[in-house]
Structure formats: structure tokens, C-alpha cells
């Protein structure tokens, strides 16, 4: 299916395979993502971290199925923004894009902050802001060169992250079964502890853990850079990536939770590294911290900048944002103006939230989860209501279950994130009215 059918011309370079998409999704989701946020998820869930990740994976499964259905119908860049614009109407599309911007625009600075925190534990004499700038410039240069270069970098980092994860899993299992350091074995307690279990707290923990799953959805932003059959490969890559990463998240947090029994952490920021010290010694803690810093600060920050720049490109191409953001570099075929803007915003946001990454993480999740709610609504409306689909399970039951799960997690999210997120949405409604009233002739898009 050609993007010409949707009124666009091919401007971005088509060079990505199914494997590239899966690697991109895995890099974005980060195989060792729980290293950086384990302490916060543990505090919120009463130690039942793998349960939070299991529920998160189930919730994301229904979301991945909705992505698959819409990616097949609309194989174009823009993710939920493009899907809702064409599946419901341009106004739903704009709000979807607006809340998705809250997610995608804030992910890069959040990653830089997490990386800075990890390295500050090792190099306390270097300011966190300095690390933030170093990682930001690296991601900027990598994205300017082009998506093919980004794909090559992703493969190298993915191999390195998997090796580090394998080392931790091996050391953790040996600590549990090979000596008296740990609890003695893997137990079911990390999945359910009657003494600490509270549904509302577990769901609040899920709202944090879901940060690790953000990435499979970003695969859809690269639809116009897939070499062939993007309508099939985008959805396939999303599902494969989700299951692979979900398994890795549950396994590593299960081992960590059993190792953590009886421990009192110095802080939520360093919880996993303290567990790594117990499992293998200071060398393993240092390895985990450095790996987390490089994974978050380089690999996934490159991927996240690529995703948000494509979203800005798509919305600007439809005149929902300033047209200059749709400019494509004549040599590298990348939306370079959008990439520059993301870098500038990342610097300011990163500086402002340098000492409050938990608040920033909650805002990222609010944007992502709200866009997922709109995604499920789009599937139900476009296929089941508008086009009278007879595939009831695929186009009604699954997206409805996904909608209810995501809405429940949103309801149990931190109230400060809810307030700030709703303020962002209100700003979006005001801007949408501006487009409708002041720039009336510029708001319509080609519906394909």
C-alpha cells in the first residue's frame, strides 16, 4: 500500500526490515529498563514488581493488537495521531497527537536524567547536567545522519544490553541457589504477597512500570521507512517485541525481588544497584549502572528522538504544527528541523526536572496511556461502528478490554501527573480551537 493513497509523497528513506523494527522496539523499551526504575515500582507495589510488569504486559497486549489493526489499515507515519485522524476524525486525531507529544517530547529528557543519575553514583564529581548535555548532543548527531545509521547503532547496543542482562540473571540465580547470600530460591511471593497487596497500589505501580513498555508503539512512527509491506510488518514487530520484552522484564524483576528480601534500600534511585551488589559484588553494581546510563542515555534516546521527530513531521505535514517542522534534509532524508526542536526542548525540560524524574516519568506515562485510550476507541469506532465489522473479538472485545485496563491504570495514577496531564490536554483544546477559528483553511487533512 502506497502513502500516495493518503495524499502524501514518499520523502523519508525506506530502508528498514522487520528485524530492524523489532530491534528498534527492543532498544526503545530497553531490555534492562527495570534497572533504572525498580525502586519506585517496588515501593508502589509492596515488593510485587514482577506482578506490576505482568499486568503491564497484559494491558499492552491489547494495545499492540489495536496497533496491529490500525497499522494494517493506515501504514503511514504519525502513530495514534494518524490513526485517529483517519479512523474517527481530525479533531480526535489532533488530541491523540497532542497527548502523544506529551509522551514523546518528554521521553528524551527523562532518559538523559536517568542516565545522569546512574553515572553520578560512579562519578559524583561530574554534575548531572553535564551528562545530560553529552547524551543530548550524541542523540542529536546520530538522528541527523539518518535512520539507517540509527538502526546499525541499535543492533550494537542491543547485543551489549542482552549480555549485561544475562550476566545479572546468572549472578542472581547463583546467589539464590549457589550460596547463602540470597533467599535460597525463586518464590511466588514477588507475584503475590498477602501482607502488602492492595489493588490500588499495584495499579499505581503498573502506571510506573508501564514506562518500560513504551517503545513497541513507537515502531508505528517508522511506517514510511519500512522497505516493503509496512501494513503487515509494523503490527508484527509490535507484538513480537512486546512478548520478548515482557518475558525479560518479569524474569529479571522476579530474581531481583527474591534477592531483595530483608534489604532496606538507600533510595529508590539506587535500589537495583544495591541488589546487584548483593548478587555479585560491587563490580556487578557498577556494570549495571554504566549499562543503564549508556542504554538510556545513548541507545534509547536516539530511538526516542527518531520517534518524536517523525510525529512532529506528520503533524506539521498536515498543518497541525508549523510547516517548517515537516522539512526533510536533502541529503540524509531526515526531518532535521523537528530533530533540532526536540533537542532544544529536551535541554530545557531536562534541566527543570533534573531532581524530579519521578514526576517527569508520570507525565510521560499519562501522555502514552491517554493516547492508548484513544487508540482503542479508534479501532472500535472505525471498524465495528463505522464499517460494521463482523470480527467482534478483534474489533470490539479486545479493544474494549484494552480500553478498560488502560483507563483503570490512568485512574489510579499519581494525582499530580493527572492534574498536569489534564492541563496539557486543555492547552491542546485551546490550540485546536485556534486552528479551527483563526486558520480554518489549514486544519483539514487528506483522509485517504
Protein backbone atom coordinates (compact mmCIF):
# COMPACT_ATOMS: atom_id res chain seq x y z
CA UNK A 1 0.00 0.00 0.00
CA UNK A 2 1.47 3.35 -1.07
CA UNK A 3 1.30 6.53 1.01
CA UNK A 4 0.21 8.28 -2.20
CA UNK A 5 -3.24 6.88 -1.44
CA UNK A 6 -3.32 9.15 1.61
CA UNK A 7 -2.33 12.26 -0.32
CA UNK A 8 1.37 12.20 0.61
CA UNK A 9 4.54 11.72 -1.38
CA UNK A 10 7.38 9.46 -0.29
CA UNK A 11 10.04 11.68 1.30
CA UNK A 12 11.62 9.53 4.01
CA UNK A 13 14.08 6.78 3.08
CA UNK A 14 12.64 3.23 3.03
CA UNK A 15 15.43 1.05 4.44
CA UNK A 16 14.05 -0.84 7.45
CA UNK A 17 13.27 -4.57 7.65
CA UNK A 18 11.09 -6.47 10.13
CA UNK A 19 14.22 -7.29 12.13
CA UNK A 20 15.18 -3.60 12.22
CA UNK A 21 11.72 -2.73 13.56
CA UNK A 22 11.95 -5.38 16.30
CA UNK A 23 15.43 -4.21 17.29
CA UNK A 24 14.21 -0.60 17.29
CA UNK A 25 11.30 -1.55 19.56
CA UNK A 26 13.54 -3.56 21.90
CA UNK A 27 16.07 -0.73 22.09
CA UNK A 28 13.29 1.78 22.81
CA UNK A 29 11.82 -0.46 25.53
CA UNK A 30 15.34 -1.26 26.89
CA UNK A 31 15.96 -4.91 27.91
CA UNK A 32 17.42 -3.63 31.20
CA UNK A 33 14.77 -0.92 31.76
CA UNK A 34 13.80 -2.21 35.24
CA UNK A 35 17.34 -1.48 36.44
CA UNK A 36 16.57 2.23 36.49
CA UNK A 37 13.04 2.27 37.96
CA UNK A 38 12.96 -0.89 40.08
CA UNK A 39 12.96 1.00 43.38
CA UNK A 40 9.95 3.14 42.53
CA UNK A 41 7.92 0.18 41.25
CA UNK A 42 8.87 -1.82 44.35
CA UNK A 43 7.81 0.97 46.72
CA UNK A 44 4.47 1.39 44.94
CA UNK A 45 3.69 -2.34 44.69
CA UNK A 46 4.82 -3.53 48.11
CA UNK A 47 7.64 -5.52 46.53
CA UNK A 48 5.45 -7.23 43.90
CA UNK A 49 7.43 -5.85 40.97
CA UNK A 50 7.04 -8.81 38.56
CA UNK A 51 3.26 -8.65 39.08
CA UNK A 52 3.27 -4.99 38.04
CA UNK A 53 5.17 -5.92 34.89
CA UNK A 54 2.90 -8.90 34.18
CA UNK A 55 -0.22 -6.73 34.39
CA UNK A 56 1.51 -4.09 32.29
CA UNK A 57 2.31 -6.65 29.59
CA UNK A 58 -1.28 -7.90 29.51
CA UNK A 59 -2.54 -4.33 29.18
CA UNK A 60 -0.06 -3.62 26.40
CA UNK A 61 -1.01 -6.83 24.59
CA UNK A 62 -4.48 -5.49 23.83
CA UNK A 63 -2.91 -2.18 22.86
CA UNK A 64 -0.50 -3.96 20.50
CA UNK A 65 -3.44 -5.74 18.85
CA UNK A 66 -5.12 -2.38 18.25
CA UNK A 67 -1.89 -1.01 16.79
CA UNK A 68 -1.70 -4.03 14.51
CA UNK A 69 -5.23 -3.50 13.21
CA UNK A 70 -4.75 0.20 12.50
CA UNK A 71 -1.21 -0.10 11.12
CA UNK A 72 -2.56 -2.52 8.54
CA UNK A 73 -5.29 -0.06 7.55
CA UNK A 74 -3.17 3.12 7.69
CA UNK A 75 0.53 2.29 7.02
CA UNK A 76 1.78 5.86 7.47
CA UNK A 77 3.92 7.74 9.97
CA UNK A 78 2.33 9.50 12.93
CA UNK A 79 1.19 6.60 15.13
CA UNK A 80 -2.07 7.24 17.04
CA UNK A 81 -2.32 10.75 15.60
CA UNK A 82 -2.60 9.42 12.04
CA UNK A 83 -4.83 6.50 13.05
CA UNK A 84 -7.37 8.59 14.99
CA UNK A 85 -7.40 11.34 12.33
CA UNK A 86 -8.47 8.86 9.69
CA UNK A 87 -10.26 6.32 11.87
CA UNK A 88 -12.52 8.83 13.69
CA UNK A 89 -11.95 12.44 12.63
CA UNK A 90 -9.28 15.13 12.53
CA UNK A 91 -10.21 16.53 15.96
CA UNK A 92 -9.76 13.22 17.77
CA UNK A 93 -6.58 12.85 15.76
CA UNK A 94 -5.24 16.18 16.90
CA UNK A 95 -5.91 15.44 20.58
CA UNK A 96 -4.31 12.00 20.16
CA UNK A 97 -1.25 13.63 18.64
CA UNK A 98 -1.20 16.30 21.33
CA UNK A 99 -1.20 13.84 24.27
CA UNK A 100 1.27 11.63 22.40
CA UNK A 101 3.56 14.64 22.19
CA UNK A 102 3.47 14.81 26.00
CA UNK A 103 4.82 11.25 25.96
CA UNK A 104 7.34 11.50 23.12
CA UNK A 105 8.65 15.00 23.86
CA UNK A 106 9.36 14.17 27.49
CA UNK A 107 10.93 10.74 26.98
CA UNK A 108 14.33 12.03 25.71
CA UNK A 109 14.98 14.36 28.69
CA UNK A 110 13.72 11.66 31.08
CA UNK A 111 16.25 9.25 29.61
CA UNK A 112 19.07 11.74 29.94
CA UNK A 113 18.18 12.31 33.60
CA UNK A 114 18.10 8.58 34.39
CA UNK A 115 21.47 8.17 32.70
CA UNK A 116 22.92 11.11 34.60
CA UNK A 117 21.67 9.67 37.91
CA UNK A 118 23.30 6.31 37.15
CA UNK A 119 26.67 7.85 36.31
CA UNK A 120 26.58 10.30 39.20
CA UNK A 121 26.68 7.29 41.53
CA UNK A 122 30.03 6.37 39.95
CA UNK A 123 31.38 9.84 39.14
CA UNK A 124 29.89 12.13 41.83
CA UNK A 125 32.28 14.96 40.91
CA UNK A 126 30.66 15.38 37.46
CA UNK A 127 27.37 17.37 37.52
CA UNK A 128 24.25 15.62 36.26
CA UNK A 129 23.62 18.50 33.86
CA UNK A 130 26.95 17.84 32.15
CA UNK A 131 25.99 14.21 31.48
CA UNK A 132 22.60 15.38 30.18
CA UNK A 133 24.25 17.66 27.60
CA UNK A 134 26.68 14.96 26.47
CA UNK A 135 23.92 12.42 25.85
CA UNK A 136 21.68 15.00 24.18
CA UNK A 137 24.32 16.04 21.66
CA UNK A 138 25.12 12.41 20.85
CA UNK A 139 21.47 11.58 20.12
CA UNK A 140 21.10 14.73 18.02
CA UNK A 141 24.04 13.89 15.76
CA UNK A 142 23.02 10.24 15.35
CA UNK A 143 19.48 11.18 14.30
CA UNK A 144 20.61 13.82 11.83
CA UNK A 145 22.66 11.28 9.90
CA UNK A 146 19.65 9.09 9.16
CA UNK A 147 17.55 6.11 10.17
CA UNK A 148 19.92 3.55 8.58
CA UNK A 149 22.78 4.68 10.83
CA UNK A 150 20.42 4.64 13.83
CA UNK A 151 19.45 1.04 13.01
CA UNK A 152 23.13 -0.03 12.98
CA UNK A 153 23.79 1.66 16.34
CA UNK A 154 20.69 -0.02 17.77
CA UNK A 155 22.00 -3.50 16.92
CA UNK A 156 25.29 -2.93 18.73
CA UNK A 157 23.63 -1.60 21.87
CA UNK A 158 21.01 -4.35 21.91
CA UNK A 159 23.68 -7.05 21.97
CA UNK A 160 25.53 -5.26 24.78
CA UNK A 161 22.36 -4.86 26.89
CA UNK A 162 21.40 -8.52 26.47
CA UNK A 163 24.89 -9.57 27.59
CA UNK A 164 24.69 -7.41 30.72
CA UNK A 165 21.21 -8.76 31.49
CA UNK A 166 22.46 -12.34 31.06
CA UNK A 167 25.29 -11.63 33.50
CA UNK A 168 22.86 -10.29 36.12
CA UNK A 169 20.44 -13.21 35.69
CA UNK A 170 23.30 -15.71 36.02
CA UNK A 171 24.76 -13.99 39.08
CA UNK A 172 21.32 -13.56 40.63
CA UNK A 173 20.37 -17.22 40.22
CA UNK A 174 23.74 -18.32 41.59
CA UNK A 175 23.24 -16.05 44.60
CA UNK A 176 19.82 -17.59 45.20
CA UNK A 177 20.72 -21.24 44.63
CA UNK A 178 24.50 -21.50 44.83
CA UNK A 179 25.25 -19.96 48.23
CA UNK A 180 23.65 -18.39 51.29
CA UNK A 181 23.59 -14.78 50.06
CA UNK A 182 20.03 -14.73 48.82
CA UNK A 183 16.67 -16.16 49.82
CA UNK A 184 17.61 -19.66 48.70
CA UNK A 185 15.32 -19.96 45.67
CA UNK A 186 12.82 -18.22 43.47
CA UNK A 187 9.48 -17.94 45.27
CA UNK A 188 5.94 -16.90 44.40
CA UNK A 189 5.97 -14.08 46.95
CA UNK A 190 7.13 -11.39 44.46
CA UNK A 191 3.96 -12.12 42.45
CA UNK A 192 1.59 -12.06 45.41
CA UNK A 193 2.22 -11.03 49.00
CA UNK A 194 -0.98 -11.02 51.08
CA UNK A 195 0.63 -8.75 53.69
CA UNK A 196 1.28 -5.90 51.25
CA UNK A 197 -1.24 -6.50 48.45
CA UNK A 198 -3.64 -3.65 47.68
CA UNK A 199 -5.24 -3.45 44.20
CA UNK A 200 -4.97 0.34 44.03
CA UNK A 201 -1.27 0.28 44.95
CA UNK A 202 -0.48 -2.44 42.44
CA UNK A 203 -2.23 -0.46 39.71
CA UNK A 204 -0.28 2.63 40.72
CA UNK A 205 2.87 0.54 40.40
CA UNK A 206 1.71 -0.58 36.94
CA UNK A 207 1.39 3.06 35.94
CA UNK A 208 5.14 3.38 36.67
CA UNK A 209 6.20 0.00 35.28
CA UNK A 210 4.38 0.69 32.01
CA UNK A 211 7.18 3.19 31.31
CA UNK A 212 9.31 0.17 30.41
CA UNK A 213 6.79 -0.93 27.78
CA UNK A 214 6.70 2.39 25.94
CA UNK A 215 8.52 1.67 22.72
CA UNK A 216 6.64 -1.03 20.89
CA UNK A 217 4.11 1.67 19.98
CA UNK A 218 6.88 3.90 18.59
CA UNK A 219 7.50 1.28 15.91
CA UNK A 220 4.43 2.65 14.15
CA UNK A 221 6.11 6.05 13.68
CA UNK A 222 8.57 4.41 11.25
CA UNK A 223 5.92 3.02 8.88
CA UNK A 224 7.06 5.22 5.99
CA UNK A 225 10.65 3.97 6.34
CA UNK A 226 9.90 0.23 6.05
CA UNK A 227 11.22 -1.33 2.84
CA UNK A 228 8.17 -3.44 2.00
CA UNK A 229 4.75 -4.39 3.37
CA UNK A 230 4.71 -1.86 6.23
CA UNK A 231 1.00 -2.58 6.74
CA UNK A 232 1.97 -6.07 7.97
CA UNK A 233 5.44 -5.64 9.42
CA UNK A 234 4.63 -2.78 11.81
CA UNK A 235 1.97 -4.80 13.63
CA UNK A 236 4.06 -7.98 13.62
CA UNK A 237 7.05 -6.16 15.07
CA UNK A 238 4.92 -4.60 17.84
CA UNK A 239 3.59 -7.97 19.04
CA UNK A 240 6.92 -9.80 18.82
CA UNK A 241 8.72 -7.03 20.68
CA UNK A 242 6.07 -6.88 23.42
CA UNK A 243 6.26 -10.60 24.23
CA UNK A 244 10.06 -10.75 24.14
CA UNK A 245 10.49 -7.75 26.38
CA UNK A 246 7.66 -8.68 28.74
CA UNK A 247 9.32 -12.04 29.41
CA UNK A 248 12.69 -10.38 30.11
CA UNK A 249 11.15 -7.76 32.43
CA UNK A 250 9.27 -10.34 34.50
CA UNK A 251 12.27 -12.69 34.77
CA UNK A 252 14.79 -10.08 35.92
CA UNK A 253 12.44 -8.42 38.42
CA UNK A 254 11.42 -11.81 39.82
CA UNK A 255 15.06 -12.64 40.55
CA UNK A 256 15.69 -9.14 41.94
CA UNK A 257 12.62 -9.23 44.20
CA UNK A 258 13.66 -12.51 45.82
CA UNK A 259 17.21 -11.22 46.27
CA UNK A 260 15.83 -8.04 47.86
CA UNK A 261 14.11 -9.82 50.76
CA UNK A 262 15.21 -8.27 54.02
CA UNK A 263 17.01 -5.38 52.33
CA UNK A 264 16.43 -1.69 53.10
CA UNK A 265 17.35 0.48 50.14
CA UNK A 266 19.26 3.73 50.49
CA UNK A 267 16.98 5.29 47.87
CA UNK A 268 14.60 4.27 45.10
CA UNK A 269 17.15 5.52 42.56
CA UNK A 270 19.82 3.03 43.66
CA UNK A 271 17.64 0.05 44.67
CA UNK A 272 18.53 -2.22 41.77
CA UNK A 273 22.24 -1.48 42.02
CA UNK A 274 22.14 -2.41 45.71
CA UNK A 275 20.51 -5.71 44.73
CA UNK A 276 23.20 -6.22 42.08
CA UNK A 277 25.85 -5.70 44.77
CA UNK A 278 24.22 -8.44 46.84
CA UNK A 279 24.08 -10.74 43.82
CA UNK A 280 27.63 -10.35 42.55
CA UNK A 281 29.51 -7.62 44.33
CA UNK A 282 30.36 -4.01 43.59
CA UNK A 283 31.62 -4.83 40.08
CA UNK A 284 28.15 -6.03 39.08
CA UNK A 285 26.52 -2.92 40.54
CA UNK A 286 28.95 -0.72 38.60
CA UNK A 287 28.34 -2.72 35.40
CA UNK A 288 24.57 -2.39 35.85
CA UNK A 289 24.80 1.36 36.49
CA UNK A 290 27.04 2.02 33.47
CA UNK A 291 24.91 -0.20 31.23
CA UNK A 292 21.75 1.62 32.37
CA UNK A 293 23.35 5.01 31.71
CA UNK A 294 24.52 4.09 28.22
CA UNK A 295 21.30 2.28 27.32
CA UNK A 296 19.03 5.10 28.46
CA UNK A 297 21.33 7.97 27.54
CA UNK A 298 22.52 6.83 24.11
CA UNK A 299 20.66 3.88 22.59
CA UNK A 300 17.06 4.59 23.55
CA UNK A 301 17.47 8.36 23.45
CA UNK A 302 18.44 8.05 19.78
CA UNK A 303 15.37 5.88 19.17
CA UNK A 304 13.06 8.22 21.10
CA UNK A 305 14.30 11.30 19.25
CA UNK A 306 13.64 9.48 15.98
CA UNK A 307 10.07 8.70 17.09
CA UNK A 308 9.11 12.19 18.29
CA UNK A 309 10.67 13.88 15.26
CA UNK A 310 8.51 11.68 12.99
CA UNK A 311 5.41 12.59 15.00
CA UNK A 312 6.20 16.31 14.68
CA UNK A 313 6.89 15.76 10.98
CA UNK A 314 3.49 14.07 10.49
CA UNK A 315 1.51 16.73 12.35
CA UNK A 316 3.37 19.57 10.59
CA UNK A 317 2.78 17.91 7.22
CA UNK A 318 -0.94 18.06 7.99
CA UNK A 319 -0.57 21.74 9.07
CA UNK A 320 -1.41 20.98 12.69
CA UNK A 321 2.00 22.34 13.69
CA UNK A 322 4.27 24.91 11.99
CA UNK A 323 5.09 23.73 8.46
CA UNK A 324 8.83 24.17 8.98
CA UNK A 325 8.82 21.03 11.16
CA UNK A 326 7.96 18.97 8.06
CA UNK A 327 11.17 19.97 6.28
CA UNK A 328 13.31 16.99 5.24
CA UNK A 329 17.10 17.19 4.93
CA UNK A 330 18.03 16.93 1.21
CA UNK A 331 20.98 14.59 1.85
CA UNK A 332 20.08 12.50 4.91
CA UNK A 333 16.31 12.37 4.29
CA UNK A 334 15.55 13.10 7.95
CA UNK A 335 13.14 15.68 9.46
CA UNK A 336 16.08 17.76 10.68
CA UNK A 337 14.17 20.82 11.92
CA UNK A 338 12.00 18.61 14.13
CA UNK A 339 15.14 16.90 15.44
CA UNK A 340 16.67 20.28 16.38
CA UNK A 341 13.48 21.32 18.17
CA UNK A 342 13.34 18.09 20.19
CA UNK A 343 16.94 18.62 21.29
CA UNK A 344 16.30 22.19 22.46
CA UNK A 345 13.15 21.21 24.36
CA UNK A 346 14.94 18.23 25.91
CA UNK A 347 17.62 20.52 27.29
CA UNK A 348 15.12 22.84 28.99
CA UNK A 349 12.84 20.07 30.30
CA UNK A 350 15.81 18.04 31.49
CA UNK A 351 17.21 20.99 33.42
CA UNK A 352 13.83 21.74 35.02
CA UNK A 353 13.15 18.14 36.14
CA UNK A 354 16.77 17.19 36.87
CA UNK A 355 15.92 16.40 40.50
CA UNK A 356 12.34 15.21 39.96
CA UNK A 357 12.48 12.32 37.46
CA UNK A 358 9.55 10.53 39.12
CA UNK A 359 7.20 13.42 38.27
CA UNK A 360 8.51 13.53 34.73
CA UNK A 361 8.05 9.75 34.37
CA UNK A 362 4.43 10.03 35.50
CA UNK A 363 3.78 12.74 32.91
CA UNK A 364 5.28 10.58 30.17
CA UNK A 365 3.02 7.70 31.17
CA UNK A 366 -0.06 9.94 31.30
CA UNK A 367 0.54 11.01 27.71
CA UNK A 368 1.16 7.47 26.49
CA UNK A 369 -1.78 5.87 28.32
CA UNK A 370 -4.21 8.59 27.22
CA UNK A 371 -3.17 8.10 23.61
CA UNK A 372 -3.70 4.35 24.05
CA UNK A 373 -7.26 5.01 25.24
CA UNK A 374 -7.90 6.97 22.03
CA UNK A 375 -6.26 4.17 20.04
CA UNK A 376 -8.76 1.59 21.36
CA UNK A 377 -11.65 3.98 20.73
CA UNK A 378 -10.45 4.38 17.15
CA UNK A 379 -10.47 0.63 16.49
CA UNK A 380 -14.00 0.26 17.88
CA UNK A 381 -15.37 3.27 16.03
CA UNK A 382 -13.67 2.78 12.66
CA UNK A 383 -14.05 -0.96 12.25
CA UNK A 384 -17.03 -2.00 14.36
CA UNK A 385 -19.31 1.07 14.35
CA UNK A 386 -18.47 2.85 11.09
CA UNK A 387 -17.64 -0.10 8.84
CA UNK A 388 -19.87 -2.72 10.53
CA UNK A 389 -17.07 -5.25 11.02
CA UNK A 390 -18.17 -8.79 11.85
CA UNK A 391 -14.81 -9.54 13.56
CA UNK A 392 -16.32 -8.93 17.00
CA UNK A 393 -13.38 -10.31 19.00
CA UNK A 394 -10.76 -8.38 17.06
CA UNK A 395 -12.60 -5.09 16.57
CA UNK A 396 -14.78 -4.85 19.68
CA UNK A 397 -13.93 -7.23 22.53
CA UNK A 398 -10.12 -6.87 22.51
CA UNK A 399 -10.01 -3.07 22.15
CA UNK A 400 -12.78 -2.73 24.77
CA UNK A 401 -10.78 -4.81 27.26
CA UNK A 402 -7.68 -2.78 26.45
CA UNK A 403 -9.62 0.45 26.93
CA UNK A 404 -10.89 -0.61 30.37
CA UNK A 405 -7.48 -1.77 31.60
CA UNK A 406 -5.69 1.41 30.46
CA UNK A 407 -8.47 3.64 31.83
CA UNK A 408 -8.22 1.89 35.22
CA UNK A 409 -4.45 2.40 35.35
CA UNK A 410 -4.92 6.06 34.42
CA UNK A 411 -7.48 6.48 37.19
CA UNK A 412 -5.04 5.10 39.76
CA UNK A 413 -2.12 7.22 38.57
CA UNK A 414 -0.42 9.81 40.76
CA UNK A 415 -2.78 12.77 41.16
CA UNK A 416 -0.09 15.33 40.32
CA UNK A 417 0.51 13.63 36.98
CA UNK A 418 -3.23 13.59 36.33
CA UNK A 419 -3.54 17.32 37.02
CA UNK A 420 -0.54 18.30 34.91
CA UNK A 421 -1.67 15.96 32.14
CA UNK A 422 -5.17 17.46 32.09
CA UNK A 423 -3.66 20.95 31.94
CA UNK A 424 -1.65 19.85 28.89
CA UNK A 425 -4.83 18.49 27.27
CA UNK A 426 -6.65 21.76 28.00
CA UNK A 427 -3.86 23.64 26.23
CA UNK A 428 -4.33 21.27 23.30
CA UNK A 429 -8.05 22.01 23.09
CA UNK A 430 -7.32 25.75 23.10
CA UNK A 431 -4.76 25.36 20.32
CA UNK A 432 -7.18 23.21 18.33
CA UNK A 433 -9.81 25.97 18.58
CA UNK A 434 -7.18 28.41 17.34
CA UNK A 435 -6.56 26.22 14.30
CA UNK A 436 -10.28 25.90 13.64
CA UNK A 437 -11.20 29.57 14.04
CA UNK A 438 -8.10 31.53 13.02
CA UNK A 439 -6.58 29.13 10.47
CA UNK A 440 -9.75 27.49 9.27
CA UNK A 441 -8.43 26.69 5.87
CA UNK A 442 -5.39 24.83 7.21
CA UNK A 443 -6.84 22.21 9.54
CA UNK A 444 -8.24 19.64 7.15
CA UNK A 445 -6.13 16.64 6.17
CA UNK A 446 -6.36 14.12 3.36
CA UNK A 447 -8.30 11.25 4.91
CA UNK A 448 -7.11 8.68 2.40
